[in-house]
Amino acid sequence: MSASKLQRRMKNLLLFIPNLVLLCGRLLIDPRVPAKERILVAGAIVYVIMPFDLIPDMLPFVGQVDDAYLISLTLLRVMTLTDPQVVREHWRGGGDMLSWQDRWH
């Protein structure tokens, strides 16, 4: 993979993370999401905003990978155990979030 293609992918990932965090925040306060899943979402949000990470956020691109991975895993679980319409209502990013889920299952 060329350096410019990798750079574009990393930039897209960095722009995707805020949408994932916003989705988590919206799912966190929605009573239609099971309580256990909301607790997991809260934990993922806390991890993302914590200054201490497994991979420091000061490292460009690489530092955000663990945040994106944790948020993605948490959302995959929530999307599996929650009504798909609830997730669609809260997603503000591009495309259909649930089609993204189908690619990972």
PDB file of N, CA and C in Angstrom:
ATOM      1  N   MET A   1       0.852  -1.177   0.000  1.00  0.00           N
ATOM      2  CA  MET A   1       0.000   0.000   0.000  1.00  0.00           C
ATOM      3  C   MET A   1       0.895   1.235   0.000  1.00  0.00           C
ATOM      4  N   SER A   2       0.577   2.184  -0.868  1.00  0.00           N
ATOM      5  CA  SER A   2       1.395   3.390  -0.973  1.00  0.00           C
ATOM      6  C   SER A   2       1.189   4.279   0.249  1.00  0.00           C
ATOM      7  N   ALA A   3       2.165   5.137   0.474  1.00  0.00           N
ATOM      8  CA  ALA A   3       2.109   6.036   1.631  1.00  0.00           C
ATOM      9  C   ALA A   3       0.931   6.997   1.527  1.00  0.00           C
ATOM     10  N   SER A   4       0.647   7.481   0.313  1.00  0.00           N
ATOM     11  CA  SER A   4      -0.466   8.435   0.169  1.00  0.00           C
ATOM     12  C   SER A   4      -1.815   7.752   0.410  1.00  0.00           C
ATOM     13  N   LYS A   5      -1.944   6.506  -0.020  1.00  0.00           N
ATOM     14  CA  LYS A   5      -3.193   5.776   0.215  1.00  0.00           C
ATOM     15  C   LYS A   5      -3.374   5.499   1.706  1.00  0.00           C
ATOM     16  N   LEU A   6      -2.299   5.124   2.374  1.00  0.00           N
ATOM     17  CA  LEU A   6      -2.350   4.892   3.815  1.00  0.00           C
ATOM     18  C   LEU A   6      -2.697   6.178   4.547  1.00  0.00           C
ATOM     19  N   GLN A   7      -2.120   7.282   4.108  1.00  0.00           N
ATOM     20  CA  GLN A   7      -2.403   8.570   4.732  1.00  0.00           C
ATOM     21  C   GLN A   7      -3.884   8.937   4.572  1.00  0.00           C
ATOM     22  N   ARG A   8      -4.458   8.699   3.390  1.00  0.00           N
ATOM     23  CA  ARG A   8      -5.878   8.979   3.154  1.00  0.00           C
ATOM     24  C   ARG A   8      -6.757   8.125   4.063  1.00  0.00           C
ATOM     25  N   ARG A   9      -6.397   6.850   4.194  1.00  0.00           N
ATOM     26  CA  ARG A   9      -7.185   5.968   5.063  1.00  0.00           C
ATOM     27  C   ARG A   9      -7.124   6.418   6.517  1.00  0.00           C
ATOM     28  N   MET A  10      -5.951   6.804   6.960  1.00  0.00           N
ATOM     29  CA  MET A  10      -5.811   7.259   8.343  1.00  0.00           C
ATOM     30  C   MET A  10      -6.595   8.555   8.561  1.00  0.00           C
ATOM     31  N   LYS A  11      -6.580   9.451   7.573  1.00  0.00           N
ATOM     32  CA  LYS A  11      -7.342  10.695   7.685  1.00  0.00           C
ATOM     33  C   LYS A  11      -8.838  10.390   7.778  1.00  0.00           C
ATOM     34  N   ASN A  12      -9.317   9.462   6.947  1.00  0.00           N
ATOM     35  CA  ASN A  12     -10.727   9.071   7.004  1.00  0.00           C
ATOM     36  C   ASN A  12     -11.079   8.480   8.358  1.00  0.00           C
ATOM     37  N   LEU A  13     -10.171   7.674   8.913  1.00  0.00           N
ATOM     38  CA  LEU A  13     -10.393   7.088  10.229  1.00  0.00           C
ATOM     39  C   LEU A  13     -10.499   8.181  11.284  1.00  0.00           C
ATOM     40  N   LEU A  14      -9.601   9.158  11.222  1.00  0.00           N
ATOM     41  CA  LEU A  14      -9.623  10.241  12.209  1.00  0.00           C
ATOM     42  C   LEU A  14     -10.897  11.077  12.100  1.00  0.00           C
ATOM     43  N   LEU A  15     -11.431  11.200  10.906  1.00  0.00           N
ATOM     44  CA  LEU A  15     -12.690  11.938  10.740  1.00  0.00           C
ATOM     45  C   LEU A  15     -13.888  11.094  11.155  1.00  0.00           C
ATOM     46  N   PHE A  16     -13.740   9.789  11.126  1.00  0.00           N
ATOM     47  CA  PHE A  16     -14.804   8.855  11.476  1.00  0.00           C
ATOM     48  C   PHE A  16     -14.974   8.746  12.992  1.00  0.00           C
ATOM     49  N   ILE A  17     -13.869   8.873  13.729  1.00  0.00           N
ATOM     50  CA  ILE A  17     -13.898   8.702  15.188  1.00  0.00           C
ATOM     51  C   ILE A  17     -14.894   9.651  15.863  1.00  0.00           C
ATOM     52  N   PRO A  18     -14.912  10.951  15.541  1.00  0.00           N
ATOM     53  CA  PRO A  18     -15.899  11.823  16.211  1.00  0.00           C
ATOM     54  C   PRO A  18     -17.340  11.366  15.998  1.00  0.00           C
ATOM     55  N   ASN A  19     -17.665  10.879  14.798  1.00  0.00           N
ATOM     56  CA  ASN A  19     -19.020  10.378  14.557  1.00  0.00           C
ATOM     57  C   ASN A  19     -19.314   9.156  15.414  1.00  0.00           C
ATOM     58  N   LEU A  20     -18.320   8.297  15.598  1.00  0.00           N
ATOM     59  CA  LEU A  20     -18.513   7.123  16.456  1.00  0.00           C
ATOM     60  C   LEU A  20     -18.728   7.530  17.905  1.00  0.00           C
ATOM     61  N   VAL A  21     -17.954   8.502  18.365  1.00  0.00           N
ATOM     62  CA  VAL A  21     -18.094   8.963  19.750  1.00  0.00           C
ATOM     63  C   VAL A  21     -19.470   9.611  19.956  1.00  0.00           C
ATOM     64  N   LEU A  22     -19.921  10.409  18.985  1.00  0.00           N
ATOM     65  CA  LEU A  22     -21.259  11.015  19.087  1.00  0.00           C
ATOM     66  C   LEU A  22     -22.349   9.949  19.102  1.00  0.00           C
ATOM     67  N   LEU A  23     -22.194   8.924  18.272  1.00  0.00           N
ATOM     68  CA  LEU A  23     -23.151   7.827  18.278  1.00  0.00           C
ATOM     69  C   LEU A  23     -23.177   7.166  19.649  1.00  0.00           C
ATOM     70  N   CYS A  24     -22.010   6.943  20.211  1.00  0.00           N
ATOM     71  CA  CYS A  24     -21.947   6.342  21.551  1.00  0.00           C
ATOM     72  C   CYS A  24     -22.679   7.205  22.569  1.00  0.00           C
ATOM     73  N   GLY A  25     -22.448   8.516  22.525  1.00  0.00           N
ATOM     74  CA  GLY A  25     -23.118   9.423  23.463  1.00  0.00           C
ATOM     75  C   GLY A  25     -24.629   9.374  23.322  1.00  0.00           C
ATOM     76  N   ARG A  26     -25.102   9.324  22.101  1.00  0.00           N
ATOM     77  CA  ARG A  26     -26.553   9.277  21.875  1.00  0.00           C
ATOM     78  C   ARG A  26     -27.152   7.945  22.330  1.00  0.00           C
ATOM     79  N   LEU A  27     -26.421   6.851  22.070  1.00  0.00           N
ATOM     80  CA  LEU A  27     -26.908   5.536  22.508  1.00  0.00           C
ATOM     81  C   LEU A  27     -26.876   5.413  24.030  1.00  0.00           C
ATOM     82  N   LEU A  28     -25.918   6.092  24.639  1.00  0.00           N
ATOM     83  CA  LEU A  28     -25.765   6.049  26.093  1.00  0.00           C
ATOM     84  C   LEU A  28     -27.004   6.583  26.808  1.00  0.00           C
ATOM     85  N   ILE A  29     -27.652   7.583  26.248  1.00  0.00           N
ATOM     86  CA  ILE A  29     -28.801   8.184  26.935  1.00  0.00           C
ATOM     87  C   ILE A  29     -30.141   7.675  26.430  1.00  0.00           C
ATOM     88  N   ASP A  30     -30.122   6.769  25.459  1.00  0.00           N
ATOM     89  CA  ASP A  30     -31.373   6.237  24.916  1.00  0.00           C
ATOM     90  C   ASP A  30     -31.851   5.062  25.768  1.00  0.00           C
ATOM     91  N   PRO A  31     -33.034   5.165  26.373  1.00  0.00           N
ATOM     92  CA  PRO A  31     -33.523   4.084  27.235  1.00  0.00           C
ATOM     93  C   PRO A  31     -33.869   2.798  26.478  1.00  0.00           C
ATOM     94  N   ARG A  32     -33.929   2.864  25.149  1.00  0.00           N
ATOM     95  CA  ARG A  32     -34.218   1.658  24.367  1.00  0.00           C
ATOM     96  C   ARG A  32     -32.998   0.736  24.247  1.00  0.00           C
ATOM     97  N   VAL A  33     -31.828   1.260  24.595  1.00  0.00           N
ATOM     98  CA  VAL A  33     -30.594   0.459  24.583  1.00  0.00           C
ATOM     99  C   VAL A  33     -30.510  -0.256  25.929  1.00  0.00           C
ATOM    100  N   PRO A  34     -30.249  -1.583  25.936  1.00  0.00           N
ATOM    101  CA  PRO A  34     -30.164  -2.315  27.204  1.00  0.00           C
ATOM    102  C   PRO A  34     -29.141  -1.682  28.162  1.00  0.00           C
ATOM    103  N   ALA A  35     -29.461  -1.720  29.446  1.00  0.00           N
ATOM    104  CA  ALA A  35     -28.629  -1.070  30.469  1.00  0.00           C
ATOM    105  C   ALA A  35     -27.182  -1.564  30.433  1.00  0.00           C
ATOM    106  N   LYS A  36     -26.987  -2.851  30.291  1.00  0.00           N
ATOM    107  CA  LYS A  36     -25.619  -3.401  30.258  1.00  0.00           C
ATOM    108  C   LYS A  36     -24.823  -2.815  29.089  1.00  0.00           C
ATOM    109  N   GLU A  37     -25.480  -2.647  27.963  1.00  0.00           N
ATOM    110  CA  GLU A  37     -24.806  -2.089  26.784  1.00  0.00           C
ATOM    111  C   GLU A  37     -24.481  -0.613  26.982  1.00  0.00           C
ATOM    112  N   ARG A  38     -25.369   0.103  27.676  1.00  0.00           N
ATOM    113  CA  ARG A  38     -25.085   1.517  27.955  1.00  0.00           C
ATOM    114  C   ARG A  38     -23.877   1.655  28.875  1.00  0.00           C
ATOM    115  N   ILE A  39     -23.716   0.721  29.801  1.00  0.00           N
ATOM    116  CA  ILE A  39     -22.547   0.747  30.687  1.00  0.00           C
ATOM    117  C   ILE A  39     -21.272   0.527  29.867  1.00  0.00           C
ATOM    118  N   LEU A  40     -21.313  -0.412  28.925  1.00  0.00           N
ATOM    119  CA  LEU A  40     -20.153  -0.643  28.056  1.00  0.00           C
ATOM    120  C   LEU A  40     -19.840   0.581  27.206  1.00  0.00           C
ATOM    121  N   VAL A  41     -20.878   1.229  26.699  1.00  0.00           N
ATOM    122  CA  VAL A  41     -20.685   2.448  25.898  1.00  0.00           C
ATOM    123  C   VAL A  41     -20.052   3.534  26.760  1.00  0.00           C
ATOM    124  N   ALA A  42     -20.527   3.684  27.986  1.00  0.00           N
ATOM    125  CA  ALA A  42     -19.954   4.683  28.899  1.00  0.00           C
ATOM    126  C   ALA A  42     -18.481   4.401  29.140  1.00  0.00           C
ATOM    127  N   GLY A  43     -18.135   3.138  29.331  1.00  0.00           N
ATOM    128  CA  GLY A  43     -16.735   2.771  29.528  1.00  0.00           C
ATOM    129  C   GLY A  43     -15.879   3.096  28.320  1.00  0.00           C
ATOM    130  N   ALA A  44     -16.404   2.864  27.131  1.00  0.00           N
ATOM    131  CA  ALA A  44     -15.657   3.179  25.906  1.00  0.00           C
ATOM    132  C   ALA A  44     -15.446   4.684  25.772  1.00  0.00           C
ATOM    133  N   ILE A  45     -16.475   5.470  26.089  1.00  0.00           N
ATOM    134  CA  ILE A  45     -16.348   6.929  26.013  1.00  0.00           C
ATOM    135  C   ILE A  45     -15.297   7.421  26.999  1.00  0.00           C
ATOM    136  N   VAL A  46     -15.335   6.896  28.223  1.00  0.00           N
ATOM    137  CA  VAL A  46     -14.350   7.297  29.239  1.00  0.00           C
ATOM    138  C   VAL A  46     -12.942   6.968  28.760  1.00  0.00           C
ATOM    139  N   TYR A  47     -12.766   5.788  28.166  1.00  0.00           N
ATOM    140  CA  TYR A  47     -11.440   5.398  27.681  1.00  0.00           C
ATOM    141  C   TYR A  47     -10.947   6.363  26.599  1.00  0.00           C
ATOM    142  N   VAL A  48     -11.842   6.764  25.700  1.00  0.00           N
ATOM    143  CA  VAL A  48     -11.441   7.652  24.611  1.00  0.00           C
ATOM    144  C   VAL A  48     -11.024   9.020  25.138  1.00  0.00           C
ATOM    145  N   ILE A  49     -11.720   9.534  26.141  1.00  0.00           N
ATOM    146  CA  ILE A  49     -11.390  10.874  26.631  1.00  0.00           C
ATOM    147  C   ILE A  49     -10.309  10.876  27.710  1.00  0.00           C
ATOM    148  N   MET A  50      -9.977   9.696  28.235  1.00  0.00           N
ATOM    149  CA  MET A  50      -8.909   9.610  29.232  1.00  0.00           C
ATOM    150  C   MET A  50      -7.566   9.999  28.608  1.00  0.00           C
ATOM    151  N   PRO A  51      -6.741  10.703  29.357  1.00  0.00           N
ATOM    152  CA  PRO A  51      -5.433  11.065  28.797  1.00  0.00           C
ATOM    153  C   PRO A  51      -4.461   9.876  28.736  1.00  0.00           C
ATOM    154  N   PHE A  52      -4.753   8.789  29.423  1.00  0.00           N
ATOM    155  CA  PHE A  52      -3.867   7.625  29.437  1.00  0.00           C
ATOM    156  C   PHE A  52      -4.453   6.523  28.563  1.00  0.00           C
ATOM    157  N   ASP A  53      -3.713   6.110  27.563  1.00  0.00           N
ATOM    158  CA  ASP A  53      -4.148   5.071  26.634  1.00  0.00           C
ATOM    159  C   ASP A  53      -3.071   4.001  26.530  1.00  0.00           C
ATOM    160  N   LEU A  54      -3.452   2.869  25.959  1.00  0.00           N
ATOM    161  CA  LEU A  54      -2.458   1.834  25.663  1.00  0.00           C
ATOM    162  C   LEU A  54      -1.441   2.360  24.652  1.00  0.00           C
ATOM    163  N   ILE A  55      -1.938   3.096  23.675  1.00  0.00           N
ATOM    164  CA  ILE A  55      -1.078   3.756  22.688  1.00  0.00           C
ATOM    165  C   ILE A  55      -1.320   5.251  22.848  1.00  0.00           C
ATOM    166  N   PRO A  56      -0.315   6.022  23.253  1.00  0.00           N
ATOM    167  CA  PRO A  56      -0.522   7.454  23.514  1.00  0.00           C
ATOM    168  C   PRO A  56      -1.075   8.183  22.290  1.00  0.00           C
ATOM    169  N   ASP A  57      -2.056   9.075  22.535  1.00  0.00           N
ATOM    170  CA  ASP A  57      -2.674   9.840  21.457  1.00  0.00           C
ATOM    171  C   ASP A  57      -1.721  10.868  20.856  1.00  0.00           C
ATOM    172  N   MET A  58      -0.591  11.106  21.520  1.00  0.00           N
ATOM    173  CA  MET A  58       0.380  12.067  21.000  1.00  0.00           C
ATOM    174  C   MET A  58       1.042  11.552  19.725  1.00  0.00           C
ATOM    175  N   LEU A  59       1.026  10.233  19.520  1.00  0.00           N
ATOM    176  CA  LEU A  59       1.594   9.674  18.299  1.00  0.00           C
ATOM    177  C   LEU A  59       0.590   9.865  17.171  1.00  0.00           C
ATOM    178  N   PRO A  60       0.945  10.629  16.146  1.00  0.00           N
ATOM    179  CA  PRO A  60      -0.013  10.904  15.066  1.00  0.00           C
ATOM    180  C   PRO A  60      -0.549   9.620  14.437  1.00  0.00           C
ATOM    181  N   PHE A  61      -1.823   9.573  14.219  1.00  0.00           N
ATOM    182  CA  PHE A  61      -2.565   8.471  13.608  1.00  0.00           C
ATOM    183  C   PHE A  61      -2.563   7.218  14.476  1.00  0.00           C
ATOM    184  N   VAL A  62      -1.398   6.727  14.835  1.00  0.00           N
ATOM    185  CA  VAL A  62      -1.292   5.470  15.579  1.00  0.00           C
ATOM    186  C   VAL A  62      -1.957   5.590  16.944  1.00  0.00           C
ATOM    187  N   GLY A  63      -1.868   6.756  17.553  1.00  0.00           N
ATOM    188  CA  GLY A  63      -2.433   6.952  18.875  1.00  0.00           C
ATOM    189  C   GLY A  63      -3.947   6.856  18.930  1.00  0.00           C
ATOM    190  N   GLN A  64      -4.591   7.057  17.798  1.00  0.00           N
ATOM    191  CA  GLN A  64      -6.042   7.000  17.772  1.00  0.00           C
ATOM    192  C   GLN A  64      -6.566   5.608  17.416  1.00  0.00           C
ATOM    193  N   VAL A  65      -5.686   4.707  17.025  1.00  0.00           N
ATOM    194  CA  VAL A  65      -6.115   3.380  16.595  1.00  0.00           C
ATOM    195  C   VAL A  65      -6.785   2.608  17.730  1.00  0.00           C
ATOM    196  N   ASP A  66      -6.201   2.618  18.928  1.00  0.00           N
ATOM    197  CA  ASP A  66      -6.818   1.876  20.028  1.00  0.00           C
ATOM    198  C   ASP A  66      -8.172   2.467  20.402  1.00  0.00           C
ATOM    199  N   ASP A  67      -8.314   3.794  20.309  1.00  0.00           N
ATOM    200  CA  ASP A  67      -9.610   4.426  20.580  1.00  0.00           C
ATOM    201  C   ASP A  67     -10.652   3.962  19.562  1.00  0.00           C
ATOM    202  N   ALA A  68     -10.281   4.011  18.297  1.00  0.00           N
ATOM    203  CA  ALA A  68     -11.219   3.608  17.235  1.00  0.00           C
ATOM    204  C   ALA A  68     -11.579   2.136  17.358  1.00  0.00           C
ATOM    205  N   TYR A  69     -10.612   1.304  17.702  1.00  0.00           N
ATOM    206  CA  TYR A  69     -10.849  -0.134  17.833  1.00  0.00           C
ATOM    207  C   TYR A  69     -11.835  -0.420  18.969  1.00  0.00           C
ATOM    208  N   LEU A  70     -11.617   0.206  20.122  1.00  0.00           N
ATOM    209  CA  LEU A  70     -12.499  -0.015  21.263  1.00  0.00           C
ATOM    210  C   LEU A  70     -13.918   0.480  20.975  1.00  0.00           C
ATOM    211  N   ILE A  71     -14.025   1.666  20.414  1.00  0.00           N
ATOM    212  CA  ILE A  71     -15.343   2.208  20.069  1.00  0.00           C
ATOM    213  C   ILE A  71     -16.032   1.290  19.064  1.00  0.00           C
ATOM    214  N   SER A  72     -15.293   0.834  18.066  1.00  0.00           N
ATOM    215  CA  SER A  72     -15.878  -0.039  17.031  1.00  0.00           C
ATOM    216  C   SER A  72     -16.378  -1.347  17.622  1.00  0.00           C
ATOM    217  N   LEU A  73     -15.576  -1.973  18.461  1.00  0.00           N
ATOM    218  CA  LEU A  73     -16.003  -3.231  19.092  1.00  0.00           C
ATOM    219  C   LEU A  73     -17.239  -3.029  19.963  1.00  0.00           C
ATOM    220  N   THR A  74     -17.246  -1.938  20.710  1.00  0.00           N
ATOM    221  CA  THR A  74     -18.390  -1.643  21.571  1.00  0.00           C
ATOM    222  C   THR A  74     -19.650  -1.429  20.732  1.00  0.00           C
ATOM    223  N   LEU A  75     -19.507  -0.658  19.663  1.00  0.00           N
ATOM    224  CA  LEU A  75     -20.669  -0.394  18.812  1.00  0.00           C
ATOM    225  C   LEU A  75     -21.151  -1.648  18.092  1.00  0.00           C
ATOM    226  N   LEU A  76     -20.242  -2.510  17.678  1.00  0.00           N
ATOM    227  CA  LEU A  76     -20.659  -3.760  17.050  1.00  0.00           C
ATOM    228  C   LEU A  76     -21.516  -4.583  18.002  1.00  0.00           C
ATOM    229  N   ARG A  77     -21.101  -4.617  19.252  1.00  0.00           N
ATOM    230  CA  ARG A  77     -21.879  -5.360  20.252  1.00  0.00           C
ATOM    231  C   ARG A  77     -23.244  -4.710  20.462  1.00  0.00           C
ATOM    232  N   VAL A  78     -23.252  -3.397  20.623  1.00  0.00           N
ATOM    233  CA  VAL A  78     -24.513  -2.681  20.849  1.00  0.00           C
ATOM    234  C   VAL A  78     -25.446  -2.859  19.658  1.00  0.00           C
ATOM    235  N   MET A  79     -24.905  -2.761  18.453  1.00  0.00           N
ATOM    236  CA  MET A  79     -25.743  -2.897  17.256  1.00  0.00           C
ATOM    237  C   MET A  79     -26.309  -4.299  17.121  1.00  0.00           C
ATOM    238  N   THR A  80     -25.605  -5.281  17.654  1.00  0.00           N
ATOM    239  CA  THR A  80     -26.082  -6.654  17.605  1.00  0.00           C
ATOM    240  C   THR A  80     -27.227  -6.872  18.592  1.00  0.00           C
ATOM    241  N   LEU A  81     -27.178  -6.193  19.728  1.00  0.00           N
ATOM    242  CA  LEU A  81     -28.140  -6.429  20.801  1.00  0.00           C
ATOM    243  C   LEU A  81     -29.224  -5.359  20.930  1.00  0.00           C
ATOM    244  N   THR A  82     -29.238  -4.394  20.018  1.00  0.00           N
ATOM    245  CA  THR A  82     -30.201  -3.294  20.074  1.00  0.00           C
ATOM    246  C   THR A  82     -30.985  -3.251  18.768  1.00  0.00           C
ATOM    247  N   ASP A  83     -32.189  -2.746  18.839  1.00  0.00           N
ATOM    248  CA  ASP A  83     -33.015  -2.588  17.642  1.00  0.00           C
ATOM    249  C   ASP A  83     -32.251  -1.748  16.607  1.00  0.00           C
ATOM    250  N   PRO A  84     -32.102  -2.258  15.390  1.00  0.00           N
ATOM    251  CA  PRO A  84     -31.350  -1.527  14.360  1.00  0.00           C
ATOM    252  C   PRO A  84     -31.875  -0.115  14.102  1.00  0.00           C
ATOM    253  N   GLN A  85     -33.158   0.086  14.234  1.00  0.00           N
ATOM    254  CA  GLN A  85     -33.728   1.412  13.994  1.00  0.00           C
ATOM    255  C   GLN A  85     -33.212   2.428  15.011  1.00  0.00           C
ATOM    256  N   VAL A  86     -32.961   1.995  16.227  1.00  0.00           N
ATOM    257  CA  VAL A  86     -32.436   2.894  17.263  1.00  0.00           C
ATOM    258  C   VAL A  86     -31.070   3.401  16.834  1.00  0.00           C
ATOM    259  N   VAL A  87     -30.223   2.499  16.348  1.00  0.00           N
ATOM    260  CA  VAL A  87     -28.877   2.894  15.909  1.00  0.00           C
ATOM    261  C   VAL A  87     -28.977   3.843  14.714  1.00  0.00           C
ATOM    262  N   ARG A  88     -29.828   3.538  13.759  1.00  0.00           N
ATOM    263  CA  ARG A  88     -29.989   4.399  12.576  1.00  0.00           C
ATOM    264  C   ARG A  88     -30.455   5.805  12.967  1.00  0.00           C
ATOM    265  N   GLU A  89     -31.339   5.897  13.951  1.00  0.00           N
ATOM    266  CA  GLU A  89     -31.838   7.207  14.392  1.00  0.00           C
ATOM    267  C   GLU A  89     -30.721   8.089  14.922  1.00  0.00           C
ATOM    268  N   HIS A  90     -29.743   7.478  15.556  1.00  0.00           N
ATOM    269  CA  HIS A  90     -28.689   8.250  16.221  1.00  0.00           C
ATOM    270  C   HIS A  90     -27.453   8.470  15.363  1.00  0.00           C
ATOM    271  N   TRP A  91     -27.300   7.766  14.254  1.00  0.00           N
ATOM    272  CA  TRP A  91     -26.112   7.899  13.411  1.00  0.00           C
ATOM    273  C   TRP A  91     -26.198   9.175  12.584  1.00  0.00           C
ATOM    274  N   ARG A  92     -25.178  10.017  12.662  1.00  0.00           N
ATOM    275  CA  ARG A  92     -25.135  11.275  11.916  1.00  0.00           C
ATOM    276  C   ARG A  92     -24.036  11.284  10.862  1.00  0.00           C
ATOM    277  N   GLY A  93     -23.280  10.215  10.767  1.00  0.00           N
ATOM    278  CA  GLY A  93     -22.217  10.122   9.768  1.00  0.00           C
ATOM    279  C   GLY A  93     -22.767   9.726   8.413  1.00  0.00           C
ATOM    280  N   GLY A  94     -21.886   9.558   7.465  1.00  0.00           N
ATOM    281  CA  GLY A  94     -22.289   9.176   6.121  1.00  0.00           C
ATOM    282  C   GLY A  94     -22.621   7.697   6.027  1.00  0.00           C
ATOM    283  N   GLY A  95     -23.495   7.369   5.137  1.00  0.00           N
ATOM    284  CA  GLY A  95     -23.841   5.974   4.881  1.00  0.00           C
ATOM    285  C   GLY A  95     -24.723   5.369   5.960  1.00  0.00           C
ATOM    286  N   ASP A  96     -24.991   4.102   5.787  1.00  0.00           N
ATOM    287  CA  ASP A  96     -25.812   3.356   6.732  1.00  0.00           C
ATOM    288  C   ASP A  96     -24.903   2.613   7.699  1.00  0.00           C
ATOM    289  N   MET A  97     -24.961   2.970   8.947  1.00  0.00           N
ATOM    290  CA  MET A  97     -24.095   2.367   9.963  1.00  0.00           C
ATOM    291  C   MET A  97     -24.286   0.854  10.032  1.00  0.00           C
ATOM    292  N   LEU A  98     -25.477   0.377   9.805  1.00  0.00           N
ATOM    293  CA  LEU A  98     -25.728  -1.052   9.920  1.00  0.00           C
ATOM    294  C   LEU A  98     -25.146  -1.842   8.755  1.00  0.00           C
ATOM    295  N   SER A  99     -24.959  -1.209   7.605  1.00  0.00           N
ATOM    296  CA  SER A  99     -24.275  -1.911   6.512  1.00  0.00           C
ATOM    297  C   SER A  99     -22.809  -2.090   6.875  1.00  0.00           C
ATOM    298  N   TRP A 100     -22.263  -1.157   7.625  1.00  0.00           N
ATOM    299  CA  TRP A 100     -20.888  -1.257   8.130  1.00  0.00           C
ATOM    300  C   TRP A 100     -20.791  -2.465   9.069  1.00  0.00           C
ATOM    301  N   GLN A 101     -21.807  -2.631   9.897  1.00  0.00           N
ATOM    302  CA  GLN A 101     -21.830  -3.772  10.824  1.00  0.00           C
ATOM    303  C   GLN A 101     -21.860  -5.087  10.062  1.00  0.00           C
ATOM    304  N   ASP A 102     -22.645  -5.150   9.002  1.00  0.00           N
ATOM    305  CA  ASP A 102     -22.766  -6.402   8.225  1.00  0.00           C
ATOM    306  C   ASP A 102     -21.431  -6.833   7.646  1.00  0.00           C
ATOM    307  N   ARG A 103     -20.577  -5.878   7.303  1.00  0.00           N
ATOM    308  CA  ARG A 103     -19.266  -6.232   6.738  1.00  0.00           C
ATOM    309  C   ARG A 103     -18.357  -6.892   7.758  1.00  0.00           C
ATOM    310  N   TRP A 104     -18.587  -6.638   9.043  1.00  0.00           N
ATOM    311  CA  TRP A 104     -17.714  -7.180  10.085  1.00  0.00           C
ATOM    312  C   TRP A 104     -18.240  -8.451  10.698  1.00  0.00           C
ATOM    313  N   HIS A 105     -19.465  -8.821  10.391  1.00  0.00           N
ATOM    314  CA  HIS A 105     -20.015 -10.072  10.951  1.00  0.00           C
ATOM    315  C   HIS A 105     -19.905 -11.190   9.992  1.00  0.00           C
TER     316      HIS A 105
END
